[in-house]
PDB file of N, CA and C in Angstrom:
ATOM      1  N   MET A   1      27.950   3.761 -12.137  1.00  0.00           N
ATOM      2  CA  MET A   1      28.289   4.140 -11.559  1.00  0.00           C
ATOM      3  C   MET A   1      27.625   4.286  -9.995  1.00  0.00           C
ATOM      4  N   PRO A   2      28.983   4.618  -9.031  1.00  0.00           N
ATOM      5  CA  PRO A   2      28.946   4.586  -7.394  1.00  0.00           C
ATOM      6  C   PRO A   2      27.842   5.496  -7.273  1.00  0.00           C
ATOM      7  N   GLY A   3      27.501   4.524  -5.991  1.00  0.00           N
ATOM      8  CA  GLY A   3      26.440   5.382  -5.420  1.00  0.00           C
ATOM      9  C   GLY A   3      25.164   5.029  -5.934  1.00  0.00           C
ATOM     10  N   LYS A   4      24.623   4.728  -7.089  1.00  0.00           N
ATOM     11  CA  LYS A   4      23.770   4.208  -7.403  1.00  0.00           C
ATOM     12  C   LYS A   4      22.476   3.267  -7.307  1.00  0.00           C
ATOM     13  N   LYS A   5      21.750   3.237  -6.576  1.00  0.00           N
ATOM     14  CA  LYS A   5      20.882   2.337  -6.780  1.00  0.00           C
ATOM     15  C   LYS A   5      20.651   1.541  -7.632  1.00  0.00           C
ATOM     16  N   SER A   6      21.426  -0.284  -6.981  1.00  0.00           N
ATOM     17  CA  SER A   6      20.050  -1.364  -8.017  1.00  0.00           C
ATOM     18  C   SER A   6      19.219  -1.260  -8.727  1.00  0.00           C
ATOM     19  N   LEU A   7      18.906  -1.879 -10.130  1.00  0.00           N
ATOM     20  CA  LEU A   7      17.859  -2.666 -10.083  1.00  0.00           C
ATOM     21  C   LEU A   7      17.666  -3.618 -10.338  1.00  0.00           C
ATOM     22  N   HIS A   8      16.349  -4.417  -9.876  1.00  0.00           N
ATOM     23  CA  HIS A   8      16.099  -5.886 -10.115  1.00  0.00           C
ATOM     24  C   HIS A   8      14.797  -6.115 -10.176  1.00  0.00           C
ATOM     25  N   ILE A   9      14.053  -7.067 -11.531  1.00  0.00           N
ATOM     26  CA  ILE A   9      13.474  -7.310 -11.566  1.00  0.00           C
ATOM     27  C   ILE A   9      13.177  -8.991 -11.162  1.00  0.00           C
ATOM     28  N   GLU A  10      12.271  -9.314 -10.309  1.00  0.00           N
ATOM     29  CA  GLU A  10      12.261 -10.873 -10.237  1.00  0.00           C
ATOM     30  C   GLU A  10      11.254 -11.700 -10.955  1.00  0.00           C
ATOM     31  N   SER A  11      11.888 -11.971 -12.169  1.00  0.00           N
ATOM     32  CA  SER A  11      11.513 -12.987 -13.249  1.00  0.00           C
ATOM     33  C   SER A  11      11.211 -14.263 -13.005  1.00  0.00           C
ATOM     34  N   SER A  12      12.399 -14.332 -12.612  1.00  0.00           N
ATOM     35  CA  SER A  12      13.186 -15.808 -12.024  1.00  0.00           C
ATOM     36  C   SER A  12      11.754 -17.037 -11.125  1.00  0.00           C
ATOM     37  N   GLY A  13      11.650 -16.011 -10.212  1.00  0.00           N
ATOM     38  CA  GLY A  13      10.526 -16.935  -9.097  1.00  0.00           C
ATOM     39  C   GLY A  13       8.953 -16.501  -9.625  1.00  0.00           C
ATOM     40  N   GLN A  14       8.721 -16.050 -11.360  1.00  0.00           N
ATOM     41  CA  GLN A  14       7.903 -16.125 -11.947  1.00  0.00           C
ATOM     42  C   GLN A  14       7.057 -14.794 -10.773  1.00  0.00           C
ATOM     43  N   LEU A  15       7.304 -13.356 -10.447  1.00  0.00           N
ATOM     44  CA  LEU A  15       6.569 -12.837 -10.042  1.00  0.00           C
ATOM     45  C   LEU A  15       6.581 -11.853 -11.229  1.00  0.00           C
ATOM     46  N   CYS A  16       7.398 -11.222 -11.826  1.00  0.00           N
ATOM     47  CA  CYS A  16       6.621 -10.651 -13.183  1.00  0.00           C
ATOM     48  C   CYS A  16       5.666 -10.900 -13.992  1.00  0.00           C
ATOM     49  N   VAL A  17       4.544 -10.531 -14.445  1.00  0.00           N
ATOM     50  CA  VAL A  17       3.760 -11.372 -14.998  1.00  0.00           C
ATOM     51  C   VAL A  17       3.321 -10.649 -16.112  1.00  0.00           C
ATOM     52  N   TYR A  18       4.218  -9.413 -16.649  1.00  0.00           N
ATOM     53  CA  TYR A  18       4.595  -8.469 -17.588  1.00  0.00           C
ATOM     54  C   TYR A  18       2.879  -8.072 -17.909  1.00  0.00           C
ATOM     55  N   CYS A  19       2.673  -6.952 -17.082  1.00  0.00           N
ATOM     56  CA  CYS A  19       1.241  -6.568 -16.925  1.00  0.00           C
ATOM     57  C   CYS A  19       1.531  -4.953 -17.954  1.00  0.00           C
ATOM     58  N   GLY A  20       2.965  -4.317 -17.968  1.00  0.00           N
ATOM     59  CA  GLY A  20       3.365  -3.310 -17.570  1.00  0.00           C
ATOM     60  C   GLY A  20       2.939  -2.336 -17.007  1.00  0.00           C
ATOM     61  N   ALA A  21       2.231  -2.034 -16.065  1.00  0.00           N
ATOM     62  CA  ALA A  21       2.226  -1.467 -14.633  1.00  0.00           C
ATOM     63  C   ALA A  21       3.317  -0.462 -14.887  1.00  0.00           C
ATOM     64  N   CYS A  22       4.543  -0.879 -14.861  1.00  0.00           N
ATOM     65  CA  CYS A  22       5.495  -0.252 -14.088  1.00  0.00           C
ATOM     66  C   CYS A  22       6.096   0.908 -15.805  1.00  0.00           C
ATOM     67  N   VAL A  23       6.150  -0.179 -16.515  1.00  0.00           N
ATOM     68  CA  VAL A  23       5.688   1.020 -17.974  1.00  0.00           C
ATOM     69  C   VAL A  23       5.465   2.040 -18.356  1.00  0.00           C
ATOM     70  N   GLY A  24       3.907   2.287 -17.953  1.00  0.00           N
ATOM     71  CA  GLY A  24       3.306   3.244 -17.925  1.00  0.00           C
ATOM     72  C   GLY A  24       3.307   4.028 -16.696  1.00  0.00           C
ATOM     73  N   VAL A  25       3.708   4.544 -15.733  1.00  0.00           N
ATOM     74  CA  VAL A  25       4.485   4.945 -14.385  1.00  0.00           C
ATOM     75  C   VAL A  25       5.353   5.901 -14.734  1.00  0.00           C
ATOM     76  N   CYS A  26       5.802   5.241 -15.652  1.00  0.00           N
ATOM     77  CA  CYS A  26       7.574   5.551 -15.382  1.00  0.00           C
ATOM     78  C   CYS A  26       7.854   7.227 -16.180  1.00  0.00           C
ATOM     79  N   PRO A  27       8.564   7.752 -16.063  1.00  0.00           N
ATOM     80  CA  PRO A  27       8.237   9.435 -15.669  1.00  0.00           C
ATOM     81  C   PRO A  27       9.164   9.911 -16.650  1.00  0.00           C
ATOM     82  N   LEU A  28      10.525   8.577 -17.002  1.00  0.00           N
ATOM     83  CA  LEU A  28      11.281   9.186 -17.723  1.00  0.00           C
ATOM     84  C   LEU A  28      11.393   8.389 -18.906  1.00  0.00           C
ATOM     85  N   ASN A  29      10.183   7.404 -19.047  1.00  0.00           N
ATOM     86  CA  ASN A  29       9.914   6.241 -19.799  1.00  0.00           C
ATOM     87  C   ASN A  29      10.981   5.176 -20.239  1.00  0.00           C
ATOM     88  N   CYS A  30      12.078   4.423 -19.432  1.00  0.00           N
ATOM     89  CA  CYS A  30      12.913   4.120 -19.229  1.00  0.00           C
ATOM     90  C   CYS A  30      12.951   2.830 -18.781  1.00  0.00           C
ATOM     91  N   ILE A  31      11.446   1.910 -18.730  1.00  0.00           N
ATOM     92  CA  ILE A  31      11.479   0.805 -18.775  1.00  0.00           C
ATOM     93  C   ILE A  31      10.612   0.262 -20.035  1.00  0.00           C
ATOM     94  N   TYR A  32      11.146  -0.929 -20.444  1.00  0.00           N
ATOM     95  CA  TYR A  32      10.691  -1.551 -21.720  1.00  0.00           C
ATOM     96  C   TYR A  32      10.103  -2.557 -21.562  1.00  0.00           C
ATOM     97  N   LEU A  33       9.008  -3.601 -21.951  1.00  0.00           N
ATOM     98  CA  LEU A  33       8.124  -4.243 -22.340  1.00  0.00           C
ATOM     99  C   LEU A  33       8.404  -4.652 -23.453  1.00  0.00           C
ATOM    100  N   ASP A  34       8.584  -6.474 -23.705  1.00  0.00           N
ATOM    101  CA  ASP A  34       8.018  -7.406 -24.562  1.00  0.00           C
ATOM    102  C   ASP A  34       7.486  -8.835 -24.183  1.00  0.00           C
ATOM    103  N   GLU A  35       7.249  -9.713 -24.724  1.00  0.00           N
ATOM    104  CA  GLU A  35       6.820 -10.548 -24.690  1.00  0.00           C
ATOM    105  C   GLU A  35       7.462 -11.475 -23.449  1.00  0.00           C
ATOM    106  N   THR A  36       8.644 -11.818 -23.777  1.00  0.00           N
ATOM    107  CA  THR A  36       9.065 -12.314 -22.636  1.00  0.00           C
ATOM    108  C   THR A  36      10.465 -11.383 -21.207  1.00  0.00           C
ATOM    109  N   ARG A  37      10.241  -9.964 -21.777  1.00  0.00           N
ATOM    110  CA  ARG A  37      11.288  -9.298 -20.716  1.00  0.00           C
ATOM    111  C   ARG A  37      10.392  -8.368 -20.428  1.00  0.00           C
ATOM    112  N   ILE A  38      11.439  -7.635 -19.298  1.00  0.00           N
ATOM    113  CA  ILE A  38      11.206  -5.873 -18.687  1.00  0.00           C
ATOM    114  C   ILE A  38      12.657  -5.447 -18.440  1.00  0.00           C
ATOM    115  N   THR A  39      12.742  -4.516 -19.336  1.00  0.00           N
ATOM    116  CA  THR A  39      14.561  -3.882 -19.483  1.00  0.00           C
ATOM    117  C   THR A  39      14.103  -2.755 -18.581  1.00  0.00           C
ATOM    118  N   PHE A  40      15.151  -2.105 -18.069  1.00  0.00           N
ATOM    119  CA  PHE A  40      15.234  -0.871 -17.790  1.00  0.00           C
ATOM    120  C   PHE A  40      16.653  -0.347 -18.325  1.00  0.00           C
ATOM    121  N   ASP A  41      16.930   0.739 -18.474  1.00  0.00           N
ATOM    122  CA  ASP A  41      17.687   1.546 -19.284  1.00  0.00           C
ATOM    123  C   ASP A  41      18.438   2.405 -17.811  1.00  0.00           C
ATOM    124  N   GLU A  42      19.243   1.885 -17.212  1.00  0.00           N
ATOM    125  CA  GLU A  42      19.787   2.198 -15.935  1.00  0.00           C
ATOM    126  C   GLU A  42      20.985   3.475 -16.349  1.00  0.00           C
ATOM    127  N   ARG A  43      20.787   4.405 -17.551  1.00  0.00           N
ATOM    128  CA  ARG A  43      21.215   5.412 -17.763  1.00  0.00           C
ATOM    129  C   ARG A  43      20.703   6.450 -17.528  1.00  0.00           C
ATOM    130  N   ILE A  44      19.041   6.462 -17.277  1.00  0.00           N
ATOM    131  CA  ILE A  44      18.431   6.711 -17.458  1.00  0.00           C
ATOM    132  C   ILE A  44      17.336   7.110 -16.315  1.00  0.00           C
ATOM    133  N   CYS A  45      16.974   6.104 -15.595  1.00  0.00           N
ATOM    134  CA  CYS A  45      16.435   5.808 -14.339  1.00  0.00           C
ATOM    135  C   CYS A  45      16.966   6.195 -13.530  1.00  0.00           C
ATOM    136  N   THR A  46      16.519   7.070 -12.156  1.00  0.00           N
ATOM    137  CA  THR A  46      16.762   8.099 -11.459  1.00  0.00           C
ATOM    138  C   THR A  46      16.525   7.257  -9.765  1.00  0.00           C
ATOM    139  N   ARG A  47      15.868   6.213 -10.087  1.00  0.00           N
ATOM    140  CA  ARG A  47      15.294   4.776  -8.913  1.00  0.00           C
ATOM    141  C   ARG A  47      14.263   6.059  -7.927  1.00  0.00           C
ATOM    142  N   CYS A  48      13.502   6.457  -8.776  1.00  0.00           N
ATOM    143  CA  CYS A  48      12.596   7.490  -7.743  1.00  0.00           C
ATOM    144  C   CYS A  48      11.690   6.081  -7.503  1.00  0.00           C
ATOM    145  N   GLU A  49      11.571   5.226  -8.062  1.00  0.00           N
ATOM    146  CA  GLU A  49      10.968   4.215  -7.446  1.00  0.00           C
ATOM    147  C   GLU A  49       8.832   3.659  -7.605  1.00  0.00           C
ATOM    148  N   ILE A  50       8.495   5.056  -8.380  1.00  0.00           N
ATOM    149  CA  ILE A  50       7.459   4.755  -9.206  1.00  0.00           C
ATOM    150  C   ILE A  50       6.955   3.516  -9.525  1.00  0.00           C
ATOM    151  N   CYS A  51       8.013   3.227  -9.943  1.00  0.00           N
ATOM    152  CA  CYS A  51       7.903   1.561 -10.716  1.00  0.00           C
ATOM    153  C   CYS A  51       7.557   0.759  -9.733  1.00  0.00           C
ATOM    154  N   VAL A  52       8.113   0.494  -8.889  1.00  0.00           N
ATOM    155  CA  VAL A  52       7.984  -0.172  -7.447  1.00  0.00           C
ATOM    156  C   VAL A  52       6.929  -0.102  -6.819  1.00  0.00           C
ATOM    157  N   LYS A  53       6.241   0.995  -6.674  1.00  0.00           N
ATOM    158  CA  LYS A  53       4.709   0.945  -5.742  1.00  0.00           C
ATOM    159  C   LYS A  53       3.968   0.660  -7.113  1.00  0.00           C
ATOM    160  N   ALA A  54       4.217   1.190  -8.196  1.00  0.00           N
ATOM    161  CA  ALA A  54       3.099   0.572  -9.779  1.00  0.00           C
ATOM    162  C   ALA A  54       2.872  -0.959  -9.352  1.00  0.00           C
ATOM    163  N   CYS A  55       3.955  -1.820  -8.984  1.00  0.00           N
ATOM    164  CA  CYS A  55       3.843  -3.597  -9.533  1.00  0.00           C
ATOM    165  C   CYS A  55       2.838  -4.000  -8.294  1.00  0.00           C
ATOM    166  N   PRO A  56       1.677  -4.252  -9.076  1.00  0.00           N
ATOM    167  CA  PRO A  56       1.389  -4.767  -8.866  1.00  0.00           C
ATOM    168  C   PRO A  56       1.228  -6.526  -8.032  1.00  0.00           C
ATOM    169  N   VAL A  57       2.617  -7.183  -7.824  1.00  0.00           N
ATOM    170  CA  VAL A  57       2.455  -7.807  -7.750  1.00  0.00           C
ATOM    171  C   VAL A  57       4.059  -7.608  -6.927  1.00  0.00           C
ATOM    172  N   GLY A  58       5.069  -7.022  -6.500  1.00  0.00           N
ATOM    173  CA  GLY A  58       6.269  -6.511  -6.156  1.00  0.00           C
ATOM    174  C   GLY A  58       7.531  -7.256  -6.521  1.00  0.00           C
ATOM    175  N   ALA A  59       7.416  -7.246  -8.092  1.00  0.00           N
ATOM    176  CA  ALA A  59       8.628  -8.065  -8.536  1.00  0.00           C
ATOM    177  C   ALA A  59       9.887  -7.496  -8.823  1.00  0.00           C
ATOM    178  N   ILE A  60       9.333  -5.444  -8.745  1.00  0.00           N
ATOM    179  CA  ILE A  60      10.747  -4.548  -8.883  1.00  0.00           C
ATOM    180  C   ILE A  60      11.018  -4.472  -7.319  1.00  0.00           C
ATOM    181  N   GLU A  61      11.992  -4.492  -7.113  1.00  0.00           N
ATOM    182  CA  GLU A  61      13.095  -3.889  -6.136  1.00  0.00           C
ATOM    183  C   GLU A  61      13.973  -3.335  -6.446  1.00  0.00           C
ATOM    184  N   ILE A  62      14.395  -2.155  -5.791  1.00  0.00           N
ATOM    185  CA  ILE A  62      15.632  -1.336  -6.035  1.00  0.00           C
ATOM    186  C   ILE A  62      16.501  -1.080  -4.760  1.00  0.00           C
ATOM    187  N   ASP A  63      17.787  -1.733  -4.754  1.00  0.00           N
ATOM    188  CA  ASP A  63      18.561  -1.527  -3.634  1.00  0.00           C
ATOM    189  C   ASP A  63      19.519  -0.329  -3.586  1.00  0.00           C
TER     190      ASP A  63
END
């Protein structure tokens, strides 16, 4: 979608600790967590950045 900011979770650098803080604060419930990864439903996400602020290790970036 043109003009929409992109989401990025930095798990390759071991930043994401899979705590689920982002999942619990998402007002649209578009973040999903399992044992090995976190995913976002990019079609629903409005890039409100609430998850970015909730992440205790700074693993989520919205560009």
